[in-house]
Amino acid sequence: MSKALVLPLSLIVYGALTLYAPSQLAVFSSGEENILRHAREPLQAFFQSGAHSPLYALLLKAAPQRGTVGPHWAGLLCGLAGIAAAARMLRSLAGAHAAPGALLLLAASPLLISQTRTLSPAPTVLLLVTLSYALFWTYLRGGQLGLLASWAVVSILAFSAQAGLIYLPITQALIALTYRTRYPQHQGFYWPALAAVTGLWIVLFWQPLNRDWTVHLAGVTPKQSAFALDAFAALSTGVSGIEAIAGAGLFALLLFSGLRACADWRKDARRGLLVGSLCAPYLLYALSLGNSALLVGALPSLCGLCAMGLRLYPRWARQGIWAVLLLTYCWSYWHLYT
């Protein structure tokens, strides 16, 4: 397939899977009804309630409230823009050869589709995460101040969409620190910009988020360590339990192969950033919040690493793996639509 057709095909696949069975989109759960009710409140009241997603509330206010799809338009449009932004991020971090396969895996991801079909900030998270990493990497290489300003704006929008996305500037700061000797000329303005971004987050979200984290972490026990496995199953296949064993096992194999392909991470900052952008949201989800919107932030990196691992196999093996991946996704879609 021509690489020029991969992005249009990915957008079509994502849109078609999201809008399939539109009658189901008009049925809202009790949790979604609460989201809609809070979105109708004044924004000041939304902040005072300790909510973590004021930007998503603004998007819901702007979305049409009538029709079969109704409020889902905001998530769908953000998801389409996120797929387009992911094309740039994956090409930069995973490489031109692995990026097309990674983009198709991302666009058809059962987790992303299920989150878009519900009222969730997950598609907005996808858009802002991919933009943040693409801008950060481009600035780290080029050093233009306009890119740094754009990165700061996207970082602020990111934790406005989901307060837990403060992990983005923190992870990127660790990468900048780790590879400081390779990019020393571009860090003079970066650290003050980072301080301003994190300072604003502390002012807006530290108190409510710290309260929620404290309550949740106090209830974590060693017996709940299996939740990390369920989190990986949900991330890779969109389902959990025994239904996810085959699909999660295949993704684990491809992920391990992708990590082998990143063996030069000490020399190549792209590899370190790709691995870090997978680990940070996954650990945050597994150890504290359990918020699926945060887990979506790990999807581009997972797809990128799996696509890199897939390219290590001979052509006949890759064709077989793609066939099994298609069956795995179809199994997840059957659980999603029935």
Protein backbone atom coordinates (compact mmCIF):
# COMPACT_ATOMS: atom_id res chain seq x y z
CA MET A 1 0.00 0.00 0.00
CA SER A 2 1.22 3.51 -0.81
CA LYS A 3 2.26 5.41 2.31
CA ALA A 4 0.30 8.43 1.06
CA LEU A 5 -2.93 6.45 1.43
CA VAL A 6 -2.31 5.33 5.02
CA LEU A 7 -3.51 8.53 6.72
CA PRO A 8 -6.76 8.86 4.70
CA LEU A 9 -7.46 5.16 5.21
CA SER A 10 -6.81 5.49 8.95
CA LEU A 11 -9.22 8.43 9.21
CA ILE A 12 -11.91 6.51 7.31
CA VAL A 13 -11.46 3.39 9.46
CA TYR A 14 -11.61 5.39 12.68
CA GLY A 15 -14.69 7.36 11.61
CA ALA A 16 -16.54 4.29 10.32
CA LEU A 17 -15.87 2.23 13.45
CA THR A 18 -16.93 5.12 15.69
CA LEU A 19 -20.20 5.79 13.86
CA TYR A 20 -21.14 2.13 13.38
CA ALA A 21 -24.52 1.29 14.97
CA PRO A 22 -25.41 4.96 15.58
CA SER A 23 -28.53 4.06 17.54
CA GLN A 24 -26.26 2.88 20.37
CA LEU A 25 -24.67 6.33 20.55
CA ALA A 26 -27.99 7.92 21.50
CA VAL A 27 -28.23 5.80 24.68
CA PHE A 28 -26.34 7.36 27.58
CA SER A 29 -25.29 5.61 30.77
CA SER A 30 -25.86 7.19 34.17
CA GLY A 31 -22.22 8.31 34.22
CA GLU A 32 -22.61 9.99 30.83
CA GLU A 33 -25.79 11.71 32.01
CA ASN A 34 -23.82 13.13 34.93
CA ILE A 35 -21.13 14.38 32.53
CA LEU A 36 -23.75 16.13 30.41
CA ARG A 37 -25.35 17.65 33.47
CA HIS A 38 -22.03 19.01 34.75
CA ALA A 39 -21.21 20.32 31.27
CA ARG A 40 -24.34 22.49 31.37
CA GLU A 41 -23.19 24.16 34.60
CA PRO A 42 -21.31 27.48 34.53
CA LEU A 43 -17.58 26.92 34.13
CA GLN A 44 -16.85 28.54 37.48
CA ALA A 45 -19.05 25.99 39.23
CA PHE A 46 -17.29 23.25 37.27
CA PHE A 47 -13.92 24.37 38.66
CA GLN A 48 -15.27 24.72 42.18
CA SER A 49 -16.56 21.14 42.08
CA GLY A 50 -12.97 19.86 41.80
CA ALA A 51 -13.48 18.38 38.33
CA HIS A 52 -10.38 17.42 36.37
CA SER A 53 -11.54 18.15 32.79
CA PRO A 54 -12.72 21.76 32.35
CA LEU A 55 -11.60 21.88 28.69
CA TYR A 56 -13.72 18.83 27.90
CA ALA A 57 -16.69 20.55 29.53
CA LEU A 58 -16.20 23.49 27.16
CA LEU A 59 -16.12 21.13 24.17
CA LEU A 60 -19.37 19.52 25.29
CA LYS A 61 -20.96 22.94 25.65
CA ALA A 62 -19.98 23.74 22.07
CA ALA A 63 -21.13 20.37 20.66
CA PRO A 64 -24.69 19.97 19.34
CA GLN A 65 -26.98 18.34 21.89
CA ARG A 66 -29.53 17.00 19.43
CA GLY A 67 -29.51 14.21 16.88
CA THR A 68 -28.48 10.60 17.06
CA VAL A 69 -24.77 11.33 17.43
CA GLY A 70 -25.27 14.58 19.34
CA PRO A 71 -22.53 15.32 21.89
CA HIS A 72 -20.29 12.61 20.41
CA TRP A 73 -19.29 14.98 17.59
CA ALA A 74 -16.76 16.70 19.86
CA GLY A 75 -14.98 13.42 20.58
CA LEU A 76 -15.13 12.28 16.95
CA LEU A 77 -13.60 15.48 15.58
CA CYS A 78 -10.89 15.51 18.25
CA GLY A 79 -10.17 11.86 17.51
CA LEU A 80 -9.81 12.53 13.77
CA ALA A 81 -7.45 15.42 14.49
CA GLY A 82 -5.58 13.18 16.95
CA ILE A 83 -5.06 10.50 14.28
CA ALA A 84 -3.67 13.16 11.93
CA ALA A 85 -1.33 14.49 14.64
CA ALA A 86 -0.28 10.94 15.54
CA ALA A 87 0.95 10.47 11.95
CA ARG A 88 3.55 13.18 12.56
CA MET A 89 4.46 11.94 16.03
CA LEU A 90 4.87 8.30 14.94
CA ARG A 91 6.91 9.24 11.88
CA SER A 92 9.25 11.27 14.09
CA LEU A 93 9.65 8.77 16.94
CA ALA A 94 9.01 5.31 15.44
CA GLY A 95 10.50 5.99 12.02
CA ALA A 96 9.11 6.26 8.51
CA HIS A 97 8.97 2.50 7.96
CA ALA A 98 7.07 1.60 11.15
CA ALA A 99 4.78 4.66 11.19
CA PRO A 100 2.15 3.44 8.64
CA GLY A 101 1.49 0.19 10.49
CA ALA A 102 1.45 1.99 13.83
CA LEU A 103 -1.08 4.51 12.55
CA LEU A 104 -3.43 1.78 11.34
CA LEU A 105 -3.17 -0.02 14.69
CA LEU A 106 -3.98 3.22 16.48
CA ALA A 107 -6.91 4.22 14.25
CA ALA A 108 -8.57 0.82 14.64
CA SER A 109 -7.75 0.42 18.35
CA PRO A 110 -10.77 -1.04 20.19
CA LEU A 111 -9.92 1.01 23.28
CA LEU A 112 -9.88 4.27 21.31
CA ILE A 113 -13.09 3.37 19.46
CA SER A 114 -14.91 2.45 22.67
CA GLN A 115 -13.78 5.67 24.38
CA THR A 116 -14.90 7.78 21.41
CA ARG A 117 -18.31 6.11 21.42
CA THR A 118 -18.80 7.16 25.04
CA LEU A 119 -18.70 10.66 26.49
CA SER A 120 -15.05 10.74 27.46
CA PRO A 121 -12.17 13.21 27.13
CA ALA A 122 -10.06 10.36 25.69
CA PRO A 123 -10.11 11.59 22.03
CA THR A 124 -9.12 15.06 23.23
CA VAL A 125 -6.34 13.44 25.26
CA LEU A 126 -5.13 11.62 22.14
CA LEU A 127 -4.97 14.86 20.16
CA LEU A 128 -3.12 16.82 22.83
CA VAL A 129 -0.72 13.99 23.72
CA THR A 130 0.37 13.49 20.12
CA LEU A 131 0.71 17.24 19.54
CA SER A 132 2.72 17.63 22.74
CA TYR A 133 5.25 14.93 21.85
CA ALA A 134 5.55 16.09 18.24
CA LEU A 135 6.18 19.71 19.29
CA PHE A 136 8.58 18.73 22.06
CA TRP A 137 10.69 16.56 19.76
CA THR A 138 10.73 19.16 17.00
CA TYR A 139 11.80 21.86 19.49
CA LEU A 140 14.47 19.63 21.00
CA ARG A 141 15.99 19.18 17.56
CA GLY A 142 15.48 22.67 16.12
CA GLY A 143 15.19 25.02 19.07
CA GLN A 144 12.74 27.53 17.57
CA LEU A 145 11.05 29.62 20.24
CA GLY A 146 7.75 29.50 18.36
CA LEU A 147 7.73 25.71 18.80
CA LEU A 148 8.44 26.11 22.51
CA ALA A 149 5.53 28.54 22.89
CA SER A 150 3.25 26.13 21.02
CA TRP A 151 4.42 23.29 23.24
CA ALA A 152 3.61 25.33 26.37
CA VAL A 153 0.11 26.15 25.09
CA VAL A 154 -0.58 22.50 24.21
CA SER A 155 0.69 21.37 27.63
CA ILE A 156 -1.70 23.76 29.36
CA LEU A 157 -4.60 22.61 27.19
CA ALA A 158 -3.62 18.99 27.92
CA PHE A 159 -3.95 19.20 31.70
CA SER A 160 -7.07 21.31 31.22
CA ALA A 161 -8.57 18.38 29.30
CA GLN A 162 -7.41 15.86 31.94
CA ALA A 163 -5.47 17.02 34.98
CA GLY A 164 -3.45 13.80 35.09
CA LEU A 165 -1.77 14.80 31.82
CA ILE A 166 0.76 16.75 33.88
CA TYR A 167 2.83 13.61 33.29
CA LEU A 168 3.50 14.94 29.75
CA PRO A 169 5.82 17.85 30.68
CA ILE A 170 7.32 15.78 33.51
CA THR A 171 8.20 12.88 31.20
CA GLN A 172 9.55 15.27 28.57
CA ALA A 173 11.63 17.05 31.22
CA LEU A 174 13.22 13.71 32.16
CA ILE A 175 14.04 13.12 28.50
CA ALA A 176 15.55 16.60 28.17
CA LEU A 177 17.61 15.96 31.30
CA THR A 178 18.72 12.49 30.18
CA TYR A 179 19.88 13.71 26.76
CA ARG A 180 21.08 17.15 27.87
CA THR A 181 24.57 16.59 26.48
CA ARG A 182 23.16 15.84 23.01
CA TYR A 183 20.90 18.91 22.89
CA PRO A 184 22.54 21.45 25.23
CA GLN A 185 21.93 24.50 23.03
CA HIS A 186 18.11 24.26 23.21
CA GLN A 187 17.56 23.98 26.95
CA GLY A 188 18.13 27.56 28.07
CA PHE A 189 14.52 28.65 27.41
CA TYR A 190 12.97 25.23 28.00
CA TRP A 191 13.33 25.06 31.78
CA PRO A 192 11.68 28.44 32.49
CA ALA A 193 8.82 27.45 30.17
CA LEU A 194 8.48 24.14 32.02
CA ALA A 195 8.43 25.93 35.38
CA ALA A 196 5.64 28.23 34.18
CA VAL A 197 3.55 25.31 32.89
CA THR A 198 3.91 23.19 36.03
CA GLY A 199 3.31 26.23 38.24
CA LEU A 200 -0.01 26.88 36.53
CA TRP A 201 -0.99 23.23 36.99
CA ILE A 202 -0.21 23.44 40.71
CA VAL A 203 -2.40 26.50 41.08
CA LEU A 204 -5.36 24.96 39.21
CA PHE A 205 -5.32 21.26 40.01
CA TRP A 206 -2.93 20.31 42.81
CA GLN A 207 -5.46 20.43 45.64
CA PRO A 208 -8.30 18.33 44.08
CA LEU A 209 -5.97 15.88 42.33
CA ASN A 210 -3.76 15.38 45.36
CA ARG A 211 -6.87 14.66 47.45
CA ASP A 212 -8.09 12.04 44.97
CA TRP A 213 -4.68 10.41 44.64
CA THR A 214 -4.25 10.25 48.41
CA VAL A 215 -7.62 8.52 48.85
CA HIS A 216 -6.97 6.05 46.04
CA LEU A 217 -3.38 5.15 46.94
CA ALA A 218 -4.38 4.54 50.55
CA GLY A 219 -6.62 1.71 49.31
CA VAL A 220 -4.03 0.04 47.06
CA THR A 221 -2.90 -3.40 48.26
CA PRO A 222 -0.40 -5.93 46.84
CA LYS A 223 -3.34 -8.15 45.86
CA GLN A 224 -4.39 -5.49 43.37
CA SER A 225 -1.17 -5.90 41.35
CA ALA A 226 -3.15 -7.98 38.83
CA PHE A 227 -4.81 -4.71 37.84
CA ALA A 228 -1.65 -3.89 35.90
CA LEU A 229 -2.27 -6.95 33.70
CA ASP A 230 -5.90 -5.95 33.18
CA ALA A 231 -4.69 -2.46 32.25
CA PHE A 232 -2.41 -3.87 29.53
CA ALA A 233 -5.23 -6.06 28.24
CA ALA A 234 -7.53 -3.03 28.05
CA LEU A 235 -4.82 -0.94 26.40
CA SER A 236 -4.05 -3.50 23.71
CA THR A 237 -7.44 -5.09 23.01
CA GLY A 238 -10.11 -2.98 24.71
CA VAL A 239 -11.43 -6.00 26.64
CA SER A 240 -10.37 -7.63 29.89
CA GLY A 241 -10.32 -11.01 31.52
CA ILE A 242 -9.95 -14.30 29.72
CA GLU A 243 -11.35 -12.83 26.48
CA ALA A 244 -8.20 -10.72 26.14
CA ILE A 245 -5.58 -13.43 26.64
CA ALA A 246 -4.78 -14.12 22.99
CA GLY A 247 -4.77 -10.49 21.88
CA ALA A 248 -2.85 -9.22 24.90
CA GLY A 249 -0.31 -12.02 24.47
CA LEU A 250 0.28 -11.07 20.84
CA PHE A 251 0.69 -7.39 21.71
CA ALA A 252 3.07 -8.31 24.53
CA LEU A 253 5.21 -10.28 22.05
CA LEU A 254 5.27 -7.37 19.60
CA LEU A 255 5.99 -4.91 22.41
CA PHE A 256 8.94 -7.01 23.60
CA SER A 257 10.25 -7.08 20.03
CA GLY A 258 9.79 -3.32 19.77
CA LEU A 259 11.75 -2.77 22.97
CA ARG A 260 14.54 -4.86 21.46
CA ALA A 261 14.50 -2.51 18.48
CA CYS A 262 15.02 0.36 20.96
CA ALA A 263 18.23 -1.11 22.34
CA ASP A 264 20.09 2.02 21.24
CA TRP A 265 17.93 4.27 23.42
CA ARG A 266 21.00 5.67 25.22
CA LYS A 267 22.16 7.22 21.94
CA ASP A 268 18.83 7.90 20.26
CA ALA A 269 16.50 10.25 22.16
CA ARG A 270 13.58 9.22 19.93
CA ARG A 271 13.66 5.71 21.40
CA GLY A 272 13.88 6.96 24.96
CA LEU A 273 10.96 9.31 24.38
CA LEU A 274 8.87 6.57 22.79
CA VAL A 275 9.46 4.16 25.69
CA GLY A 276 8.91 6.88 28.30
CA SER A 277 5.67 8.01 26.67
CA LEU A 278 4.35 4.45 27.03
CA CYS A 279 5.46 3.82 30.61
CA ALA A 280 4.34 7.10 32.21
CA PRO A 281 0.59 7.02 31.43
CA TYR A 282 0.40 3.25 31.86
CA LEU A 283 1.90 3.38 35.35
CA LEU A 284 -0.24 6.38 36.26
CA TYR A 285 -3.35 4.48 35.19
CA ALA A 286 -2.36 1.20 36.85
CA LEU A 287 -1.15 2.63 40.15
CA SER A 288 -3.48 5.51 40.86
CA LEU A 289 -6.39 6.87 38.88
CA GLY A 290 -7.66 3.99 36.74
CA ASN A 291 -8.94 6.56 34.23
CA SER A 292 -9.33 5.18 30.70
CA ALA A 293 -8.76 8.62 29.19
CA LEU A 294 -5.25 8.55 30.67
CA LEU A 295 -4.66 5.07 29.29
CA VAL A 296 -5.43 6.32 25.78
CA GLY A 297 -2.37 8.56 26.16
CA ALA A 298 -0.20 5.42 26.01
CA LEU A 299 -1.81 4.10 22.81
CA PRO A 300 0.33 5.93 20.20
CA SER A 301 3.55 4.75 21.84
CA LEU A 302 2.30 1.18 22.21
CA CYS A 303 1.31 1.08 18.54
CA GLY A 304 4.63 2.60 17.52
CA LEU A 305 6.68 0.09 19.50
CA CYS A 306 4.58 -2.85 18.28
CA ALA A 307 4.97 -1.72 14.66
CA MET A 308 8.73 -1.44 15.16
CA GLY A 309 8.79 -4.93 16.63
CA LEU A 310 6.67 -6.27 13.80
CA ARG A 311 9.25 -5.14 11.26
CA LEU A 312 11.88 -7.38 12.85
CA TYR A 313 10.09 -10.48 11.53
CA PRO A 314 10.35 -11.86 7.97
CA ARG A 315 7.70 -10.85 5.47
CA TRP A 316 5.73 -14.09 5.65
CA ALA A 317 5.60 -13.85 9.44
CA ARG A 318 4.46 -10.21 9.29
CA GLN A 319 1.58 -11.17 7.02
CA GLY A 320 0.48 -13.87 9.46
CA ILE A 321 0.74 -11.52 12.43
CA TRP A 322 -1.35 -8.89 10.67
CA ALA A 323 -4.02 -11.52 10.02
CA VAL A 324 -4.06 -12.50 13.70
CA LEU A 325 -4.19 -8.84 14.73
CA LEU A 326 -7.23 -8.37 12.49
CA LEU A 327 -8.96 -11.34 14.13
CA THR A 328 -8.08 -9.97 17.56
CA TYR A 329 -9.56 -6.58 16.75
CA CYS A 330 -12.71 -8.18 15.28
CA TRP A 331 -13.14 -10.15 18.53
CA SER A 332 -12.93 -6.90 20.49
CA TYR A 333 -15.39 -5.18 18.16
CA TRP A 334 -17.86 -8.03 18.70
CA HIS A 335 -17.71 -7.36 22.45
CA LEU A 336 -18.02 -3.63 21.85
CA TYR A 337 -21.06 -3.63 19.55
CA THR A 338 -23.07 -6.45 21.17
